[in-house]
Amino acid sequence: MDVFEIRGEYIMLNQLLKVLGWVESGAQANLVIEEGNIYVNGQQELRKRNKIYKGMLVKFQEAEVEMI
């Protein structure tokens, strides 16, 4: 599992996917989320602009990252 340091209070889920390099664009990030391929703390997440805070786990396919 990788870690990602949040600068500030939180990061939006669709922005996080782009920063991590899991997708190439915002449109692709939104599509991946809409299709139900993202899990936050073990739960399927469908909200594109969900706020991701320190301590949360985000998973996409085989990749998983913990927010610090």
PDB file of N, CA and C in Angstrom:
ATOM      1  N   MET A   1       0.839  -1.180   0.000  1.00  0.00           N
ATOM      2  CA  MET A   1       0.000   0.000   0.000  1.00  0.00           C
ATOM      3  C   MET A   1       0.883   1.242   0.000  1.00  0.00           C
ATOM      4  N   ASP A   2       0.499   2.201  -0.822  1.00  0.00           N
ATOM      5  CA  ASP A   2       1.221   3.464  -0.894  1.00  0.00           C
ATOM      6  C   ASP A   2       0.593   4.464   0.066  1.00  0.00           C
ATOM      7  N   VAL A   3       1.281   5.580   0.261  1.00  0.00           N
ATOM      8  CA  VAL A   3       0.746   6.675   1.065  1.00  0.00           C
ATOM      9  C   VAL A   3       0.781   7.957   0.240  1.00  0.00           C
ATOM     10  N   PHE A   4      -0.135   8.858   0.543  1.00  0.00           N
ATOM     11  CA  PHE A   4      -0.210  10.146  -0.132  1.00  0.00           C
ATOM     12  C   PHE A   4      -0.432  11.212   0.926  1.00  0.00           C
ATOM     13  N   GLU A   5       0.409  12.236   0.910  1.00  0.00           N
ATOM     14  CA  GLU A   5       0.290  13.304   1.894  1.00  0.00           C
ATOM     15  C   GLU A   5      -0.642  14.388   1.375  1.00  0.00           C
ATOM     16  N   ILE A   6      -1.704  14.629   2.114  1.00  0.00           N
ATOM     17  CA  ILE A   6      -2.657  15.677   1.767  1.00  0.00           C
ATOM     18  C   ILE A   6      -2.109  17.004   2.284  1.00  0.00           C
ATOM     19  N   ARG A   7      -2.031  17.971   1.399  1.00  0.00           N
ATOM     20  CA  ARG A   7      -1.616  19.317   1.801  1.00  0.00           C
ATOM     21  C   ARG A   7      -2.884  20.144   1.940  1.00  0.00           C
ATOM     22  N   GLY A   8      -3.172  20.513   3.144  1.00  0.00           N
ATOM     23  CA  GLY A   8      -4.436  21.183   3.426  1.00  0.00           C
ATOM     24  C   GLY A   8      -5.350  20.239   4.172  1.00  0.00           C
ATOM     25  N   GLU A   9      -6.625  20.610   4.239  1.00  0.00           N
ATOM     26  CA  GLU A   9      -7.581  19.822   5.022  1.00  0.00           C
ATOM     27  C   GLU A   9      -8.032  18.559   4.304  1.00  0.00           C
ATOM     28  N   TYR A  10      -8.230  18.642   2.974  1.00  0.00           N
ATOM     29  CA  TYR A  10      -8.742  17.501   2.208  1.00  0.00           C
ATOM     30  C   TYR A  10      -8.385  17.671   0.740  1.00  0.00           C
ATOM     31  N   ILE A  11      -8.683  16.620  -0.067  1.00  0.00           N
ATOM     32  CA  ILE A  11      -8.568  16.672  -1.520  1.00  0.00           C
ATOM     33  C   ILE A  11      -9.811  16.014  -2.098  1.00  0.00           C
ATOM     34  N   MET A  12     -10.314  16.551  -3.196  1.00  0.00           N
ATOM     35  CA  MET A  12     -11.483  15.962  -3.857  1.00  0.00           C
ATOM     36  C   MET A  12     -11.081  14.641  -4.507  1.00  0.00           C
ATOM     37  N   LEU A  13     -11.981  13.673  -4.490  1.00  0.00           N
ATOM     38  CA  LEU A  13     -11.681  12.344  -5.005  1.00  0.00           C
ATOM     39  C   LEU A  13     -11.235  12.385  -6.470  1.00  0.00           C
ATOM     40  N   ASN A  14     -11.955  13.105  -7.322  1.00  0.00           N
ATOM     41  CA  ASN A  14     -11.579  13.124  -8.735  1.00  0.00           C
ATOM     42  C   ASN A  14     -10.213  13.775  -8.946  1.00  0.00           C
ATOM     43  N   GLN A  15      -9.862  14.767  -8.137  1.00  0.00           N
ATOM     44  CA  GLN A  15      -8.537  15.382  -8.220  1.00  0.00           C
ATOM     45  C   GLN A  15      -7.453  14.406  -7.761  1.00  0.00           C
ATOM     46  N   LEU A  16      -7.754  13.649  -6.718  1.00  0.00           N
ATOM     47  CA  LEU A  16      -6.800  12.676  -6.198  1.00  0.00           C
ATOM     48  C   LEU A  16      -6.429  11.641  -7.254  1.00  0.00           C
ATOM     49  N   LEU A  17      -7.417  11.158  -7.980  1.00  0.00           N
ATOM     50  CA  LEU A  17      -7.138  10.146  -9.005  1.00  0.00           C
ATOM     51  C   LEU A  17      -6.179  10.679 -10.063  1.00  0.00           C
ATOM     52  N   LYS A  18      -6.315  11.947 -10.423  1.00  0.00           N
ATOM     53  CA  LYS A  18      -5.404  12.553 -11.400  1.00  0.00           C
ATOM     54  C   LYS A  18      -4.015  12.734 -10.812  1.00  0.00           C
ATOM     55  N   VAL A  19      -3.931  13.231  -9.585  1.00  0.00           N
ATOM     56  CA  VAL A  19      -2.631  13.470  -8.935  1.00  0.00           C
ATOM     57  C   VAL A  19      -1.850  12.163  -8.781  1.00  0.00           C
ATOM     58  N   LEU A  20      -2.548  11.085  -8.460  1.00  0.00           N
ATOM     59  CA  LEU A  20      -1.903   9.786  -8.286  1.00  0.00           C
ATOM     60  C   LEU A  20      -1.482   9.156  -9.613  1.00  0.00           C
ATOM     61  N   GLY A  21      -1.998   9.699 -10.723  1.00  0.00           N
ATOM     62  CA  GLY A  21      -1.689   9.139 -12.038  1.00  0.00           C
ATOM     63  C   GLY A  21      -2.515   7.907 -12.366  1.00  0.00           C
ATOM     64  N   TRP A  22      -3.589   7.689 -11.629  1.00  0.00           N
ATOM     65  CA  TRP A  22      -4.451   6.537 -11.881  1.00  0.00           C
ATOM     66  C   TRP A  22      -5.306   6.758 -13.115  1.00  0.00           C
ATOM     67  N   VAL A  23      -5.544   8.029 -13.472  1.00  0.00           N
ATOM     68  CA  VAL A  23      -6.272   8.400 -14.692  1.00  0.00           C
ATOM     69  C   VAL A  23      -5.520   9.554 -15.344  1.00  0.00           C
ATOM     70  N   GLU A  24      -5.849   9.808 -16.612  1.00  0.00           N
ATOM     71  CA  GLU A  24      -5.143  10.851 -17.349  1.00  0.00           C
ATOM     72  C   GLU A  24      -5.854  12.194 -17.353  1.00  0.00           C
ATOM     73  N   SER A  25      -7.162  12.201 -17.101  1.00  0.00           N
ATOM     74  CA  SER A  25      -7.904  13.457 -17.171  1.00  0.00           C
ATOM     75  C   SER A  25      -9.025  13.478 -16.136  1.00  0.00           C
ATOM     76  N   GLY A  26      -9.566  14.673 -15.945  1.00  0.00           N
ATOM     77  CA  GLY A  26     -10.703  14.811 -15.043  1.00  0.00           C
ATOM     78  C   GLY A  26     -11.919  14.058 -15.541  1.00  0.00           C
ATOM     79  N   ALA A  27     -12.119  14.076 -16.854  1.00  0.00           N
ATOM     80  CA  ALA A  27     -13.257  13.345 -17.432  1.00  0.00           C
ATOM     81  C   ALA A  27     -13.111  11.848 -17.188  1.00  0.00           C
ATOM     82  N   GLN A  28     -11.915  11.337 -17.346  1.00  0.00           N
ATOM     83  CA  GLN A  28     -11.679   9.916 -17.103  1.00  0.00           C
ATOM     84  C   GLN A  28     -11.863   9.595 -15.620  1.00  0.00           C
ATOM     85  N   ALA A  29     -11.419  10.494 -14.743  1.00  0.00           N
ATOM     86  CA  ALA A  29     -11.597  10.298 -13.297  1.00  0.00           C
ATOM     87  C   ALA A  29     -13.083  10.203 -12.968  1.00  0.00           C
ATOM     88  N   ASN A  30     -13.874  11.116 -13.512  1.00  0.00           N
ATOM     89  CA  ASN A  30     -15.313  11.096 -13.254  1.00  0.00           C
ATOM     90  C   ASN A  30     -15.963   9.829 -13.774  1.00  0.00           C
ATOM     91  N   LEU A  31     -15.541   9.349 -14.923  1.00  0.00           N
ATOM     92  CA  LEU A  31     -16.093   8.130 -15.498  1.00  0.00           C
ATOM     93  C   LEU A  31     -15.772   6.912 -14.625  1.00  0.00           C
ATOM     94  N   VAL A  32     -14.538   6.815 -14.171  1.00  0.00           N
ATOM     95  CA  VAL A  32     -14.115   5.695 -13.315  1.00  0.00           C
ATOM     96  C   VAL A  32     -14.941   5.681 -12.026  1.00  0.00           C
ATOM     97  N   ILE A  33     -15.197   6.872 -11.477  1.00  0.00           N
ATOM     98  CA  ILE A  33     -15.992   6.968 -10.250  1.00  0.00           C
ATOM     99  C   ILE A  33     -17.444   6.582 -10.541  1.00  0.00           C
ATOM    100  N   GLU A  34     -18.014   7.127 -11.622  1.00  0.00           N
ATOM    101  CA  GLU A  34     -19.402   6.815 -11.983  1.00  0.00           C
ATOM    102  C   GLU A  34     -19.629   5.323 -12.200  1.00  0.00           C
ATOM    103  N   GLU A  35     -18.626   4.641 -12.745  1.00  0.00           N
ATOM    104  CA  GLU A  35     -18.742   3.211 -13.014  1.00  0.00           C
ATOM    105  C   GLU A  35     -18.606   2.363 -11.756  1.00  0.00           C
ATOM    106  N   GLY A  36     -18.311   2.988 -10.620  1.00  0.00           N
ATOM    107  CA  GLY A  36     -18.242   2.264  -9.353  1.00  0.00           C
ATOM    108  C   GLY A  36     -16.933   1.530  -9.128  1.00  0.00           C
ATOM    109  N   ASN A  37     -15.854   2.021  -9.736  1.00  0.00           N
ATOM    110  CA  ASN A  37     -14.564   1.346  -9.623  1.00  0.00           C
ATOM    111  C   ASN A  37     -13.676   1.860  -8.496  1.00  0.00           C
ATOM    112  N   ILE A  38     -14.158   2.820  -7.724  1.00  0.00           N
ATOM    113  CA  ILE A  38     -13.370   3.411  -6.647  1.00  0.00           C
ATOM    114  C   ILE A  38     -13.988   3.036  -5.308  1.00  0.00           C
ATOM    115  N   TYR A  39     -13.128   2.675  -4.362  1.00  0.00           N
ATOM    116  CA  TYR A  39     -13.568   2.331  -3.014  1.00  0.00           C
ATOM    117  C   TYR A  39     -12.838   3.222  -2.018  1.00  0.00           C
ATOM    118  N   VAL A  40     -13.599   3.789  -1.087  1.00  0.00           N
ATOM    119  CA  VAL A  40     -13.048   4.623  -0.027  1.00  0.00           C
ATOM    120  C   VAL A  40     -13.379   3.945   1.291  1.00  0.00           C
ATOM    121  N   ASN A  41     -12.347   3.604   2.036  1.00  0.00           N
ATOM    122  CA  ASN A  41     -12.516   2.884   3.312  1.00  0.00           C
ATOM    123  C   ASN A  41     -13.358   1.622   3.140  1.00  0.00           C
ATOM    124  N   GLY A  42     -13.154   0.927   2.018  1.00  0.00           N
ATOM    125  CA  GLY A  42     -13.827  -0.343   1.774  1.00  0.00           C
ATOM    126  C   GLY A  42     -15.229  -0.236   1.197  1.00  0.00           C
ATOM    127  N   GLN A  43     -15.741   0.982   1.026  1.00  0.00           N
ATOM    128  CA  GLN A  43     -17.084   1.189   0.505  1.00  0.00           C
ATOM    129  C   GLN A  43     -17.016   1.784  -0.897  1.00  0.00           C
ATOM    130  N   GLN A  44     -17.853   1.284  -1.799  1.00  0.00           N
ATOM    131  CA  GLN A  44     -17.902   1.826  -3.151  1.00  0.00           C
ATOM    132  C   GLN A  44     -18.289   3.305  -3.083  1.00  0.00           C
ATOM    133  N   GLU A  45     -17.546   4.130  -3.808  1.00  0.00           N
ATOM    134  CA  GLU A  45     -17.792   5.575  -3.778  1.00  0.00           C
ATOM    135  C   GLU A  45     -18.200   6.067  -5.155  1.00  0.00           C
ATOM    136  N   LEU A  46     -19.358   6.730  -5.237  1.00  0.00           N
ATOM    137  CA  LEU A  46     -19.879   7.228  -6.503  1.00  0.00           C
ATOM    138  C   LEU A  46     -19.899   8.754  -6.575  1.00  0.00           C
ATOM    139  N   ARG A  47     -19.480   9.421  -5.509  1.00  0.00           N
ATOM    140  CA  ARG A  47     -19.470  10.892  -5.492  1.00  0.00           C
ATOM    141  C   ARG A  47     -18.128  11.396  -6.012  1.00  0.00           C
ATOM    142  N   LYS A  48     -18.164  12.093  -7.135  1.00  0.00           N
ATOM    143  CA  LYS A  48     -16.938  12.573  -7.786  1.00  0.00           C
ATOM    144  C   LYS A  48     -16.168  13.568  -6.934  1.00  0.00           C
ATOM    145  N   ARG A  49     -16.885  14.415  -6.229  1.00  0.00           N
ATOM    146  CA  ARG A  49     -16.243  15.470  -5.462  1.00  0.00           C
ATOM    147  C   ARG A  49     -16.207  15.147  -3.971  1.00  0.00           C
ATOM    148  N   ASN A  50     -16.246  13.871  -3.649  1.00  0.00           N
ATOM    149  CA  ASN A  50     -16.165  13.450  -2.251  1.00  0.00           C
ATOM    150  C   ASN A  50     -14.865  13.973  -1.660  1.00  0.00           C
ATOM    151  N   LYS A  51     -14.943  14.511  -0.466  1.00  0.00           N
ATOM    152  CA  LYS A  51     -13.760  15.039   0.209  1.00  0.00           C
ATOM    153  C   LYS A  51     -13.008  13.890   0.872  1.00  0.00           C
ATOM    154  N   ILE A  52     -11.738  13.767   0.519  1.00  0.00           N
ATOM    155  CA  ILE A  52     -10.886  12.722   1.071  1.00  0.00           C
ATOM    156  C   ILE A  52      -9.968  13.357   2.112  1.00  0.00           C
ATOM    157  N   TYR A  53     -10.011  12.821   3.333  1.00  0.00           N
ATOM    158  CA  TYR A  53      -9.259  13.369   4.457  1.00  0.00           C
ATOM    159  C   TYR A  53      -8.139  12.419   4.873  1.00  0.00           C
ATOM    160  N   LYS A  54      -7.236  12.937   5.699  1.00  0.00           N
ATOM    161  CA  LYS A  54      -6.152  12.120   6.253  1.00  0.00           C
ATOM    162  C   LYS A  54      -6.742  10.923   6.982  1.00  0.00           C
ATOM    163  N   GLY A  55      -6.097   9.773   6.835  1.00  0.00           N
ATOM    164  CA  GLY A  55      -6.542   8.554   7.486  1.00  0.00           C
ATOM    165  C   GLY A  55      -7.444   7.687   6.616  1.00  0.00           C
ATOM    166  N   MET A  56      -7.921   8.219   5.500  1.00  0.00           N
ATOM    167  CA  MET A  56      -8.792   7.440   4.617  1.00  0.00           C
ATOM    168  C   MET A  56      -7.968   6.558   3.686  1.00  0.00           C
ATOM    169  N   LEU A  57      -8.573   5.448   3.254  1.00  0.00           N
ATOM    170  CA  LEU A  57      -7.965   4.536   2.292  1.00  0.00           C
ATOM    171  C   LEU A  57      -8.750   4.601   0.991  1.00  0.00           C
ATOM    172  N   VAL A  58      -8.051   4.743  -0.127  1.00  0.00           N
ATOM    173  CA  VAL A  58      -8.690   4.801  -1.436  1.00  0.00           C
ATOM    174  C   VAL A  58      -8.125   3.672  -2.283  1.00  0.00           C
ATOM    175  N   LYS A  59      -9.021   2.929  -2.943  1.00  0.00           N
ATOM    176  CA  LYS A  59      -8.604   1.780  -3.748  1.00  0.00           C
ATOM    177  C   LYS A  59      -9.196   1.872  -5.147  1.00  0.00           C
ATOM    178  N   PHE A  60      -8.359   1.545  -6.146  1.00  0.00           N
ATOM    179  CA  PHE A  60      -8.769   1.471  -7.544  1.00  0.00           C
ATOM    180  C   PHE A  60      -8.057   0.283  -8.157  1.00  0.00           C
ATOM    181  N   GLN A  61      -8.827  -0.690  -8.615  1.00  0.00           N
ATOM    182  CA  GLN A  61      -8.292  -1.944  -9.159  1.00  0.00           C
ATOM    183  C   GLN A  61      -7.343  -2.560  -8.111  1.00  0.00           C
ATOM    184  N   GLU A  62      -6.072  -2.750  -8.434  1.00  0.00           N
ATOM    185  CA  GLU A  62      -5.133  -3.370  -7.491  1.00  0.00           C
ATOM    186  C   GLU A  62      -4.362  -2.334  -6.659  1.00  0.00           C
ATOM    187  N   ALA A  63      -4.542  -1.045  -6.973  1.00  0.00           N
ATOM    188  CA  ALA A  63      -3.813   0.016  -6.279  1.00  0.00           C
ATOM    189  C   ALA A  63      -4.603   0.493  -5.068  1.00  0.00           C
ATOM    190  N   GLU A  64      -3.880   0.715  -3.971  1.00  0.00           N
ATOM    191  CA  GLU A  64      -4.500   1.216  -2.759  1.00  0.00           C
ATOM    192  C   GLU A  64      -3.558   2.246  -2.133  1.00  0.00           C
ATOM    193  N   VAL A  65      -4.128   3.335  -1.645  1.00  0.00           N
ATOM    194  CA  VAL A  65      -3.310   4.388  -1.063  1.00  0.00           C
ATOM    195  C   VAL A  65      -3.969   4.895   0.225  1.00  0.00           C
ATOM    196  N   GLU A  66      -3.125   5.161   1.218  1.00  0.00           N
ATOM    197  CA  GLU A  66      -3.585   5.709   2.492  1.00  0.00           C
ATOM    198  C   GLU A  66      -3.238   7.188   2.539  1.00  0.00           C
ATOM    199  N   MET A  67      -4.193   7.996   2.977  1.00  0.00           N
ATOM    200  CA  MET A  67      -3.970   9.441   3.087  1.00  0.00           C
ATOM    201  C   MET A  67      -3.287   9.751   4.413  1.00  0.00           C
ATOM    202  N   ILE A  68      -2.238  10.554   4.344  1.00  0.00           N
ATOM    203  CA  ILE A  68      -1.557  10.989   5.581  1.00  0.00           C
ATOM    204  C   ILE A  68      -1.456  12.489   5.600  1.00  0.00           C
TER     205      ILE A  68
END
